[in-house]
């Protein structure tokens, strides 16, 4: 199987770390792998569709122990920060990295207004109770990948930026909900 540019770069970092200092450090290796993966995503390296699956394997099986250095970004959020980078990186999205991560998570993408949704994405969502749209943040994906969770926040006053925010509404949003909302928005645009 042909290896992707991203895989080859991570392989070089895995094999070379600490080589000229005559000692090995797991801490340094873990940070080096995080940085290498981040660079591969942000700077547009091509990823193979199975790369994140390969990264998670043991070194004897051609992997890089992804589980030790990917980091948890909250409950069941293993490695989601890399998906966020792939969907909304500093220089745009890296679709090959996003697709590889989706395969690794066994999760179909949640697409809204033509873009993949990720942890940290903001959108306006229809509050069915008030029938108005409110700003929400995507906070997580369900373990089975069937829905995402989005929360609206209220800080109590207009200038309370330094204080913690309080969640006022939590929405469980499925792909069908996203499709229905897009249909509703298109219908509104036609009548306007």
N, C-alpha and C. Protein backbone atom coordinates (compact mmCIF):
# COMPACT_ATOMS: atom_id res chain seq x y z
N UNK A 1 0.85 -1.18 0.00
CA UNK A 1 0.00 0.00 0.00
C UNK A 1 0.89 1.24 0.00
N UNK A 2 0.56 2.20 -0.84
CA UNK A 2 1.33 3.43 -0.95
C UNK A 2 1.01 4.35 0.22
N UNK A 3 2.03 4.90 0.84
CA UNK A 3 1.85 5.78 2.01
C UNK A 3 1.67 7.23 1.56
N UNK A 4 0.84 7.95 2.29
CA UNK A 4 0.58 9.35 1.98
C UNK A 4 1.74 10.24 2.44
N UNK A 5 1.72 11.48 1.97
CA UNK A 5 2.74 12.46 2.39
C UNK A 5 2.67 12.69 3.90
N UNK A 6 1.46 12.76 4.44
CA UNK A 6 1.30 12.98 5.88
C UNK A 6 1.89 11.80 6.67
N UNK A 7 1.60 10.58 6.22
CA UNK A 7 2.13 9.39 6.91
C UNK A 7 3.66 9.40 6.88
N UNK A 8 4.23 9.69 5.73
CA UNK A 8 5.70 9.69 5.60
C UNK A 8 6.33 10.74 6.51
N UNK A 9 5.70 11.91 6.61
CA UNK A 9 6.23 12.96 7.48
C UNK A 9 6.19 12.52 8.94
N UNK A 10 5.05 11.98 9.39
CA UNK A 10 4.95 11.50 10.77
C UNK A 10 5.92 10.35 11.03
N UNK A 11 6.11 9.51 10.04
CA UNK A 11 7.07 8.40 10.17
C UNK A 11 8.49 8.92 10.37
N UNK A 12 8.85 9.95 9.63
CA UNK A 12 10.18 10.56 9.78
C UNK A 12 10.35 11.13 11.19
N UNK A 13 9.36 11.83 11.68
CA UNK A 13 9.43 12.39 13.04
C UNK A 13 9.53 11.27 14.07
N UNK A 14 8.71 10.22 13.91
CA UNK A 14 8.69 9.09 14.85
C UNK A 14 10.08 8.44 14.93
N UNK A 15 10.70 8.25 13.78
CA UNK A 15 11.98 7.55 13.73
C UNK A 15 13.17 8.43 14.14
N UNK A 16 13.06 9.74 13.93
CA UNK A 16 14.22 10.62 14.10
C UNK A 16 14.29 11.34 15.44
N UNK A 17 13.23 11.46 16.15
CA UNK A 17 13.18 12.24 17.39
C UNK A 17 14.27 11.79 18.37
N UNK A 18 15.05 12.72 18.83
CA UNK A 18 16.08 12.45 19.84
C UNK A 18 17.32 11.75 19.34
N UNK A 19 17.40 11.47 18.08
CA UNK A 19 18.48 10.68 17.51
C UNK A 19 19.86 11.31 17.72
N UNK A 20 19.94 12.63 17.70
CA UNK A 20 21.25 13.27 17.82
C UNK A 20 21.58 13.70 19.24
N UNK A 21 20.69 13.42 20.17
CA UNK A 21 20.96 13.79 21.56
C UNK A 21 21.22 12.56 22.43
N UNK A 22 21.24 11.42 21.82
CA UNK A 22 21.59 10.15 22.49
C UNK A 22 20.66 9.78 23.65
N UNK A 23 19.46 10.25 23.65
CA UNK A 23 18.48 9.76 24.62
C UNK A 23 17.09 9.90 24.06
N UNK A 24 16.20 9.09 24.58
CA UNK A 24 14.81 9.07 24.12
C UNK A 24 13.92 9.67 25.20
N UNK A 25 12.96 10.48 24.78
CA UNK A 25 12.00 11.06 25.71
C UNK A 25 10.59 10.88 25.14
N UNK A 26 9.73 10.15 25.89
CA UNK A 26 8.35 9.97 25.44
C UNK A 26 7.61 11.30 25.40
N UNK A 27 7.89 12.17 26.35
CA UNK A 27 7.23 13.47 26.37
C UNK A 27 7.56 14.25 25.11
N UNK A 28 8.83 14.29 24.78
CA UNK A 28 9.25 15.01 23.58
C UNK A 28 8.67 14.36 22.32
N UNK A 29 8.67 13.03 22.28
CA UNK A 29 8.12 12.33 21.12
C UNK A 29 6.63 12.64 20.97
N UNK A 30 5.88 12.59 22.06
CA UNK A 30 4.44 12.88 21.99
C UNK A 30 4.18 14.29 21.47
N UNK A 31 4.93 15.25 21.97
CA UNK A 31 4.76 16.63 21.50
C UNK A 31 5.20 16.78 20.04
N UNK A 32 6.26 16.10 19.67
CA UNK A 32 6.73 16.15 18.29
C UNK A 32 5.68 15.58 17.33
N UNK A 33 5.03 14.49 17.74
CA UNK A 33 4.01 13.88 16.89
C UNK A 33 2.77 14.78 16.78
N UNK A 34 2.38 15.39 17.88
CA UNK A 34 1.26 16.34 17.83
C UNK A 34 1.58 17.48 16.87
N UNK A 35 2.77 18.03 17.00
CA UNK A 35 3.18 19.14 16.13
C UNK A 35 3.26 18.72 14.67
N UNK A 36 3.79 17.52 14.42
CA UNK A 36 3.92 17.03 13.04
C UNK A 36 2.54 16.82 12.41
N UNK A 37 1.60 16.27 13.18
CA UNK A 37 0.26 16.06 12.65
C UNK A 37 -0.43 17.40 12.40
N UNK A 38 -0.28 18.30 13.34
CA UNK A 38 -0.85 19.64 13.17
C UNK A 38 -0.30 20.30 11.91
N UNK A 39 1.01 20.25 11.72
CA UNK A 39 1.62 20.84 10.53
C UNK A 39 1.12 20.17 9.26
N UNK A 40 1.00 18.85 9.28
CA UNK A 40 0.53 18.12 8.10
C UNK A 40 -0.88 18.56 7.70
N UNK A 41 -1.71 18.80 8.69
CA UNK A 41 -3.09 19.22 8.41
C UNK A 41 -3.11 20.67 7.93
N UNK A 42 -2.52 21.56 8.72
CA UNK A 42 -2.58 22.99 8.42
C UNK A 42 -1.93 23.34 7.09
N UNK A 43 -0.80 22.70 6.77
CA UNK A 43 -0.07 23.06 5.56
C UNK A 43 -0.45 22.22 4.35
N UNK A 44 -1.58 21.50 4.47
CA UNK A 44 -2.18 20.89 3.30
C UNK A 44 -1.56 19.60 2.79
N UNK A 45 -0.88 18.84 3.65
CA UNK A 45 -0.37 17.54 3.21
C UNK A 45 -1.56 16.66 2.84
N UNK A 46 -1.37 15.80 1.85
CA UNK A 46 -2.42 14.85 1.48
C UNK A 46 -2.40 13.69 2.47
N UNK A 47 -3.60 13.30 2.92
CA UNK A 47 -3.79 12.17 3.82
C UNK A 47 -4.44 11.03 3.07
N UNK A 48 -4.03 9.81 3.38
CA UNK A 48 -4.72 8.63 2.87
C UNK A 48 -5.98 8.43 3.71
N UNK A 49 -6.99 7.82 3.12
CA UNK A 49 -8.26 7.66 3.83
C UNK A 49 -8.12 6.81 5.10
N UNK A 50 -7.11 5.97 5.18
CA UNK A 50 -6.89 5.12 6.36
C UNK A 50 -5.81 5.65 7.29
N UNK A 51 -5.31 6.85 7.06
CA UNK A 51 -4.16 7.33 7.84
C UNK A 51 -4.41 7.38 9.34
N UNK A 52 -5.53 7.89 9.79
CA UNK A 52 -5.74 7.97 11.24
C UNK A 52 -5.88 6.57 11.85
N UNK A 53 -6.41 5.64 11.07
CA UNK A 53 -6.46 4.25 11.54
C UNK A 53 -5.04 3.71 11.66
N UNK A 54 -4.20 4.00 10.67
CA UNK A 54 -2.79 3.57 10.73
C UNK A 54 -2.05 4.24 11.89
N UNK A 55 -2.28 5.54 12.08
CA UNK A 55 -1.61 6.27 13.16
C UNK A 55 -1.91 5.63 14.51
N UNK A 56 -3.08 5.07 14.67
CA UNK A 56 -3.49 4.54 15.97
C UNK A 56 -2.93 3.15 16.26
N UNK A 57 -2.33 2.51 15.27
CA UNK A 57 -1.76 1.18 15.49
C UNK A 57 -0.45 1.25 16.27
N UNK A 58 -0.03 0.12 16.76
CA UNK A 58 1.26 0.03 17.47
C UNK A 58 2.41 0.17 16.47
N UNK A 59 3.55 0.62 16.93
CA UNK A 59 4.70 0.77 16.01
C UNK A 59 5.08 -0.53 15.29
N UNK A 60 4.95 -1.66 15.94
CA UNK A 60 5.28 -2.93 15.29
C UNK A 60 4.34 -3.23 14.12
N UNK A 61 3.17 -2.60 14.13
CA UNK A 61 2.20 -2.79 13.06
C UNK A 61 2.19 -1.62 12.09
N UNK A 62 3.22 -0.78 12.15
CA UNK A 62 3.35 0.35 11.23
C UNK A 62 2.69 1.62 11.71
N UNK A 63 2.25 1.66 12.96
CA UNK A 63 1.57 2.84 13.48
C UNK A 63 2.44 3.68 14.39
N UNK A 64 1.79 4.67 15.04
CA UNK A 64 2.52 5.62 15.88
C UNK A 64 1.88 5.81 17.25
N UNK A 65 1.12 4.84 17.72
CA UNK A 65 0.49 4.94 19.06
C UNK A 65 -0.29 6.24 19.22
N UNK A 66 -1.13 6.56 18.27
CA UNK A 66 -1.93 7.79 18.28
C UNK A 66 -2.63 8.01 19.62
N UNK A 67 -3.05 6.93 20.25
CA UNK A 67 -3.76 7.02 21.52
C UNK A 67 -2.96 7.66 22.64
N UNK A 68 -1.64 7.63 22.54
CA UNK A 68 -0.80 8.22 23.59
C UNK A 68 -0.60 9.72 23.41
N UNK A 69 -0.75 10.21 22.21
CA UNK A 69 -0.42 11.62 21.99
C UNK A 69 -1.54 12.43 21.34
N UNK A 70 -2.65 11.82 20.98
CA UNK A 70 -3.73 12.56 20.33
C UNK A 70 -4.43 13.48 21.31
N UNK A 71 -4.54 13.08 22.55
CA UNK A 71 -5.17 13.90 23.57
C UNK A 71 -6.68 13.80 23.54
N UNK A 72 -7.25 13.92 24.71
CA UNK A 72 -8.72 13.94 24.82
C UNK A 72 -9.13 15.39 24.96
N UNK A 73 -10.12 15.75 24.18
CA UNK A 73 -10.64 17.12 24.20
C UNK A 73 -11.99 17.15 24.90
N UNK A 74 -12.17 16.30 25.89
CA UNK A 74 -13.45 16.20 26.59
C UNK A 74 -13.96 14.78 26.51
N UNK A 75 -15.15 14.56 27.02
CA UNK A 75 -15.74 13.23 27.05
C UNK A 75 -15.92 12.67 25.64
N UNK A 76 -15.29 11.54 25.36
CA UNK A 76 -15.39 10.88 24.06
C UNK A 76 -14.93 11.76 22.91
N UNK A 77 -14.05 12.69 23.18
CA UNK A 77 -13.63 13.64 22.16
C UNK A 77 -12.20 13.37 21.68
N UNK A 78 -11.79 12.15 21.71
CA UNK A 78 -10.45 11.73 21.38
C UNK A 78 -10.00 12.30 20.03
N UNK A 79 -9.02 13.19 20.06
CA UNK A 79 -8.41 13.72 18.85
C UNK A 79 -9.24 14.72 18.05
N UNK A 80 -10.35 15.19 18.59
CA UNK A 80 -11.24 16.08 17.83
C UNK A 80 -10.56 17.39 17.42
N UNK A 81 -9.55 17.82 18.17
CA UNK A 81 -8.90 19.09 17.78
C UNK A 81 -8.25 18.97 16.41
N UNK A 82 -7.83 17.76 16.02
CA UNK A 82 -7.24 17.59 14.70
C UNK A 82 -8.32 17.65 13.62
N UNK A 83 -9.52 17.17 13.94
CA UNK A 83 -10.64 17.29 13.00
C UNK A 83 -11.03 18.76 12.84
N UNK A 84 -11.02 19.50 13.93
CA UNK A 84 -11.31 20.93 13.87
C UNK A 84 -10.31 21.63 12.94
N UNK A 85 -9.04 21.31 13.08
CA UNK A 85 -8.02 21.89 12.20
C UNK A 85 -8.26 21.50 10.74
N UNK A 86 -8.65 20.24 10.53
CA UNK A 86 -8.87 19.76 9.16
C UNK A 86 -10.06 20.48 8.52
N UNK A 87 -11.06 20.80 9.30
CA UNK A 87 -12.26 21.46 8.76
C UNK A 87 -12.14 22.97 8.70
N UNK A 88 -11.33 23.54 9.57
CA UNK A 88 -11.27 25.00 9.68
C UNK A 88 -9.87 25.43 10.10
N UNK A 89 -8.90 25.08 9.29
CA UNK A 89 -7.52 25.38 9.64
C UNK A 89 -7.13 26.81 9.34
N UNK A 90 -5.95 27.15 9.74
CA UNK A 90 -5.41 28.49 9.58
C UNK A 90 -5.41 28.94 8.12
N UNK A 91 -5.16 28.00 7.21
CA UNK A 91 -5.10 28.32 5.78
C UNK A 91 -6.21 27.64 4.98
N UNK A 92 -7.31 27.33 5.64
CA UNK A 92 -8.42 26.67 4.98
C UNK A 92 -8.53 25.22 5.42
N UNK A 93 -9.44 24.51 4.80
CA UNK A 93 -9.68 23.12 5.21
C UNK A 93 -8.73 22.17 4.49
N UNK A 94 -8.54 21.01 5.11
CA UNK A 94 -7.78 19.92 4.51
C UNK A 94 -8.75 18.75 4.42
N UNK A 95 -9.41 18.65 3.28
CA UNK A 95 -10.48 17.68 3.09
C UNK A 95 -9.98 16.24 3.23
N UNK A 96 -8.77 15.95 2.77
CA UNK A 96 -8.27 14.57 2.88
C UNK A 96 -8.05 14.19 4.34
N UNK A 97 -7.61 15.13 5.17
CA UNK A 97 -7.44 14.85 6.61
C UNK A 97 -8.80 14.68 7.28
N UNK A 98 -9.77 15.52 6.91
CA UNK A 98 -11.11 15.42 7.48
C UNK A 98 -11.73 14.07 7.15
N UNK A 99 -11.61 13.64 5.91
CA UNK A 99 -12.18 12.34 5.51
C UNK A 99 -11.50 11.18 6.22
N UNK A 100 -10.19 11.27 6.39
CA UNK A 100 -9.47 10.21 7.10
C UNK A 100 -9.90 10.14 8.57
N UNK A 101 -10.10 11.30 9.19
CA UNK A 101 -10.55 11.31 10.59
C UNK A 101 -11.97 10.78 10.71
N UNK A 102 -12.83 11.14 9.76
CA UNK A 102 -14.20 10.62 9.78
C UNK A 102 -14.22 9.11 9.66
N UNK A 103 -13.37 8.56 8.82
CA UNK A 103 -13.30 7.09 8.70
C UNK A 103 -12.79 6.48 10.00
N UNK A 104 -11.78 7.09 10.61
CA UNK A 104 -11.24 6.62 11.89
C UNK A 104 -12.32 6.59 12.96
N UNK A 105 -13.16 7.64 12.99
CA UNK A 105 -14.24 7.73 13.98
C UNK A 105 -15.49 6.97 13.55
N UNK A 106 -15.48 6.44 12.32
CA UNK A 106 -16.65 5.76 11.77
C UNK A 106 -17.87 6.69 11.84
N UNK A 107 -17.68 7.92 11.38
CA UNK A 107 -18.69 8.95 11.49
C UNK A 107 -18.84 9.67 10.15
N UNK A 108 -20.05 9.78 9.68
CA UNK A 108 -20.32 10.57 8.49
C UNK A 108 -20.25 12.04 8.87
N UNK A 109 -19.87 12.90 7.91
CA UNK A 109 -19.77 14.34 8.25
C UNK A 109 -21.15 14.96 8.47
N UNK A 110 -21.18 15.96 9.31
CA UNK A 110 -22.35 16.81 9.49
C UNK A 110 -22.09 18.06 8.66
N UNK A 111 -22.87 18.26 7.62
CA UNK A 111 -22.63 19.38 6.71
C UNK A 111 -23.79 20.35 6.78
N UNK A 112 -23.44 21.63 6.93
CA UNK A 112 -24.44 22.69 7.02
C UNK A 112 -23.94 23.87 6.21
N UNK A 113 -24.76 24.38 5.34
CA UNK A 113 -24.39 25.48 4.45
C UNK A 113 -23.11 25.18 3.68
N UNK A 114 -22.97 23.91 3.27
CA UNK A 114 -21.83 23.49 2.45
C UNK A 114 -20.52 23.25 3.19
N UNK A 115 -20.55 23.34 4.51
CA UNK A 115 -19.31 23.16 5.29
C UNK A 115 -19.47 22.07 6.34
N UNK A 116 -18.37 21.37 6.62
CA UNK A 116 -18.38 20.38 7.68
C UNK A 116 -18.43 21.08 9.03
N UNK A 117 -19.24 20.54 9.92
CA UNK A 117 -19.30 21.06 11.28
C UNK A 117 -18.30 20.33 12.16
N UNK A 118 -17.74 21.04 13.11
CA UNK A 118 -16.67 20.53 13.97
C UNK A 118 -16.83 21.14 15.35
N UNK A 119 -16.15 20.59 16.32
CA UNK A 119 -16.21 21.14 17.67
C UNK A 119 -15.64 22.55 17.63
N UNK A 120 -16.43 23.50 18.10
CA UNK A 120 -16.04 24.90 18.08
C UNK A 120 -16.72 25.70 16.98
N UNK A 121 -17.34 25.02 16.01
CA UNK A 121 -18.04 25.74 14.94
C UNK A 121 -19.24 26.48 15.53
N UNK A 122 -19.50 27.64 14.95
CA UNK A 122 -20.65 28.46 15.39
C UNK A 122 -21.64 28.55 14.23
N UNK A 123 -22.92 28.51 14.58
CA UNK A 123 -23.96 28.68 13.58
C UNK A 123 -25.21 29.22 14.25
N UNK A 124 -26.14 29.67 13.45
CA UNK A 124 -27.43 30.10 13.97
C UNK A 124 -28.38 28.92 13.86
N UNK A 125 -29.01 28.58 14.97
CA UNK A 125 -29.90 27.42 14.98
C UNK A 125 -31.29 27.85 15.41
N UNK A 126 -32.29 27.23 14.80
CA UNK A 126 -33.69 27.58 15.09
C UNK A 126 -34.12 26.98 16.42
N UNK A 127 -34.47 27.86 17.32
CA UNK A 127 -35.01 27.45 18.62
C UNK A 127 -36.50 27.22 18.42
N UNK A 128 -36.93 25.97 18.48
CA UNK A 128 -38.32 25.63 18.17
C UNK A 128 -39.30 26.24 19.17
N UNK A 129 -38.85 26.48 20.39
CA UNK A 129 -39.74 27.08 21.39
C UNK A 129 -40.08 28.53 21.05
N UNK A 130 -39.08 29.30 20.64
CA UNK A 130 -39.32 30.71 20.34
C UNK A 130 -39.47 30.98 18.84
N UNK A 131 -39.19 29.96 18.01
CA UNK A 131 -39.24 30.07 16.54
C UNK A 131 -38.27 31.13 16.00
N UNK A 132 -37.25 31.43 16.76
CA UNK A 132 -36.23 32.38 16.28
C UNK A 132 -34.88 31.66 16.21
N UNK A 133 -33.97 32.28 15.49
CA UNK A 133 -32.62 31.71 15.36
C UNK A 133 -31.71 32.31 16.42
N UNK A 134 -30.92 31.44 17.05
CA UNK A 134 -29.99 31.90 18.09
C UNK A 134 -28.60 31.35 17.78
N UNK A 135 -27.54 32.06 18.18
CA UNK A 135 -26.18 31.54 17.93
C UNK A 135 -25.87 30.37 18.86
N UNK A 136 -25.27 29.33 18.30
CA UNK A 136 -24.87 28.15 19.08
C UNK A 136 -23.45 27.75 18.71
N UNK A 137 -22.81 27.04 19.62
CA UNK A 137 -21.48 26.45 19.40
C UNK A 137 -21.62 24.94 19.38
N UNK A 138 -20.94 24.29 18.44
CA UNK A 138 -20.89 22.83 18.45
C UNK A 138 -19.92 22.43 19.55
N UNK A 139 -20.39 21.59 20.46
CA UNK A 139 -19.56 21.21 21.61
C UNK A 139 -19.11 19.75 21.59
N UNK A 140 -19.84 18.87 20.89
CA UNK A 140 -19.43 17.46 20.85
C UNK A 140 -20.24 16.70 19.81
N UNK A 141 -19.77 15.48 19.55
CA UNK A 141 -20.48 14.54 18.69
C UNK A 141 -20.85 13.33 19.54
N UNK A 142 -21.98 12.70 19.23
CA UNK A 142 -22.35 11.50 19.97
C UNK A 142 -21.35 10.39 19.66
N UNK A 143 -21.23 9.46 20.57
CA UNK A 143 -20.27 8.36 20.39
C UNK A 143 -20.59 7.54 19.14
N UNK A 144 -21.89 7.36 18.88
CA UNK A 144 -22.28 6.57 17.71
C UNK A 144 -22.34 7.41 16.43
N UNK A 145 -22.07 8.71 16.52
CA UNK A 145 -22.03 9.59 15.35
C UNK A 145 -23.38 9.95 14.78
N UNK A 146 -24.46 9.71 15.51
CA UNK A 146 -25.80 9.96 14.98
C UNK A 146 -26.27 11.41 15.17
N UNK A 147 -25.65 12.13 16.09
CA UNK A 147 -26.04 13.52 16.32
C UNK A 147 -24.86 14.30 16.88
N UNK A 148 -24.99 15.62 16.84
CA UNK A 148 -24.01 16.49 17.48
C UNK A 148 -24.73 17.30 18.54
N UNK A 149 -23.98 17.83 19.46
CA UNK A 149 -24.55 18.68 20.51
C UNK A 149 -24.08 20.11 20.27
N UNK A 150 -25.04 21.02 20.33
CA UNK A 150 -24.74 22.45 20.18
C UNK A 150 -25.37 23.17 21.36
N UNK A 151 -24.67 24.17 21.88
CA UNK A 151 -25.15 24.90 23.05
C UNK A 151 -25.18 26.40 22.77
N UNK A 152 -26.20 27.05 23.32
CA UNK A 152 -26.24 28.51 23.31
C UNK A 152 -25.76 28.96 24.68
N UNK A 153 -25.11 30.10 24.70
CA UNK A 153 -24.54 30.60 25.95
C UNK A 153 -25.05 32.00 26.24
N UNK A 154 -25.11 32.31 27.49
CA UNK A 154 -25.51 33.65 27.92
C UNK A 154 -24.59 34.03 29.06
N UNK A 155 -24.00 35.20 28.98
CA UNK A 155 -23.05 35.60 30.02
C UNK A 155 -23.67 36.54 31.06
N UNK A 156 -24.94 36.84 30.96
CA UNK A 156 -25.61 37.64 31.98
C UNK A 156 -25.64 39.12 31.69
N UNK A 157 -24.64 39.63 31.00
CA UNK A 157 -24.61 41.05 30.64
C UNK A 157 -23.70 41.24 29.44
N UNK A 158 -23.80 42.37 28.83
CA UNK A 158 -23.10 42.60 27.57
C UNK A 158 -21.57 42.60 27.70
N UNK A 159 -21.03 42.99 28.86
CA UNK A 159 -19.58 43.12 28.99
C UNK A 159 -19.00 42.13 30.00
N UNK A 160 -19.57 40.98 30.08
CA UNK A 160 -19.09 39.99 31.05
C UNK A 160 -18.13 38.99 30.41
N UNK A 161 -17.31 39.46 29.48
CA UNK A 161 -16.43 38.57 28.75
C UNK A 161 -15.44 37.84 29.64
N UNK A 162 -15.09 38.38 30.77
CA UNK A 162 -14.10 37.74 31.63
C UNK A 162 -14.71 36.68 32.55
N UNK A 163 -16.02 36.59 32.56
CA UNK A 163 -16.69 35.64 33.44
C UNK A 163 -17.05 34.37 32.68
N UNK A 164 -17.16 33.27 33.39
CA UNK A 164 -17.58 32.03 32.70
C UNK A 164 -18.99 32.17 32.14
N UNK A 165 -19.20 31.54 31.04
CA UNK A 165 -20.51 31.59 30.41
C UNK A 165 -21.38 30.43 30.91
N UNK A 166 -22.65 30.67 30.87
CA UNK A 166 -23.62 29.68 31.32
C UNK A 166 -24.37 29.16 30.10
N UNK A 167 -24.55 27.86 30.03
CA UNK A 167 -25.31 27.26 28.93
C UNK A 167 -26.79 27.51 29.18
N UNK A 168 -27.44 28.11 28.19
CA UNK A 168 -28.87 28.37 28.35
C UNK A 168 -29.73 27.36 27.61
N UNK A 169 -29.23 26.84 26.51
CA UNK A 169 -29.96 25.83 25.74
C UNK A 169 -28.99 24.82 25.20
N UNK A 170 -29.40 23.58 25.17
CA UNK A 170 -28.58 22.50 24.59
C UNK A 170 -29.43 21.83 23.52
N UNK A 171 -28.86 21.69 22.33
CA UNK A 171 -29.58 21.10 21.21
C UNK A 171 -28.89 19.81 20.77
N UNK A 172 -29.68 18.81 20.51
CA UNK A 172 -29.22 17.54 19.95
C UNK A 172 -29.63 17.61 18.47
N UNK A 173 -28.65 17.72 17.57
CA UNK A 173 -28.93 17.99 16.16
C UNK A 173 -28.48 16.80 15.30
N UNK A 174 -29.41 16.25 14.54
CA UNK A 174 -29.10 15.14 13.64
C UNK A 174 -28.85 15.68 12.23
N UNK A 175 -28.39 14.82 11.34
CA UNK A 175 -28.20 15.23 9.95
C UNK A 175 -29.54 15.62 9.31
N UNK A 176 -30.60 14.89 9.66
CA UNK A 176 -31.93 15.23 9.13
C UNK A 176 -32.37 16.61 9.61
N UNK A 177 -32.06 16.95 10.86
CA UNK A 177 -32.38 18.29 11.37
C UNK A 177 -31.67 19.36 10.53
N UNK A 178 -30.41 19.11 10.21
CA UNK A 178 -29.64 20.06 9.40
C UNK A 178 -30.25 20.21 8.01
N UNK A 179 -30.64 19.09 7.40
CA UNK A 179 -31.26 19.14 6.06
C UNK A 179 -32.58 19.91 6.11
N UNK A 180 -33.40 19.62 7.13
CA UNK A 180 -34.69 20.31 7.27
C UNK A 180 -34.50 21.81 7.45
N UNK A 181 -33.51 22.19 8.23
CA UNK A 181 -33.28 23.62 8.45
C UNK A 181 -32.80 24.30 7.17
N UNK A 182 -31.96 23.61 6.40
CA UNK A 182 -31.51 24.19 5.13
C UNK A 182 -32.69 24.37 4.18
N UNK A 183 -33.62 23.41 4.15
CA UNK A 183 -34.81 23.55 3.31
C UNK A 183 -35.63 24.75 3.76
N UNK A 184 -35.79 24.92 5.06
CA UNK A 184 -36.56 26.03 5.61
C UNK A 184 -35.90 27.36 5.23
N UNK A 185 -34.57 27.43 5.33
CA UNK A 185 -33.86 28.67 4.97
C UNK A 185 -33.99 28.98 3.49
N UNK A 186 -33.91 27.97 2.63
CA UNK A 186 -34.06 28.19 1.19
C UNK A 186 -35.46 28.67 0.85
N UNK A 187 -36.46 28.11 1.53
CA UNK A 187 -37.84 28.54 1.29
C UNK A 187 -38.03 29.99 1.70
N UNK A 188 -37.41 30.39 2.81
CA UNK A 188 -37.49 31.77 3.26
C UNK A 188 -36.82 32.73 2.26
N UNK A 189 -35.67 32.29 1.72
CA UNK A 189 -34.97 33.11 0.74
C UNK A 189 -35.80 33.34 -0.51
N UNK A 190 -36.56 32.31 -0.94
CA UNK A 190 -37.38 32.43 -2.15
C UNK A 190 -38.54 33.40 -1.93
N UNK A 191 -39.07 33.44 -0.72
CA UNK A 191 -40.20 34.35 -0.45
C UNK A 191 -39.76 35.77 -0.18
N UNK A 192 -38.49 35.97 0.10
CA UNK A 192 -38.00 37.32 0.43
C UNK A 192 -37.79 38.17 -0.78
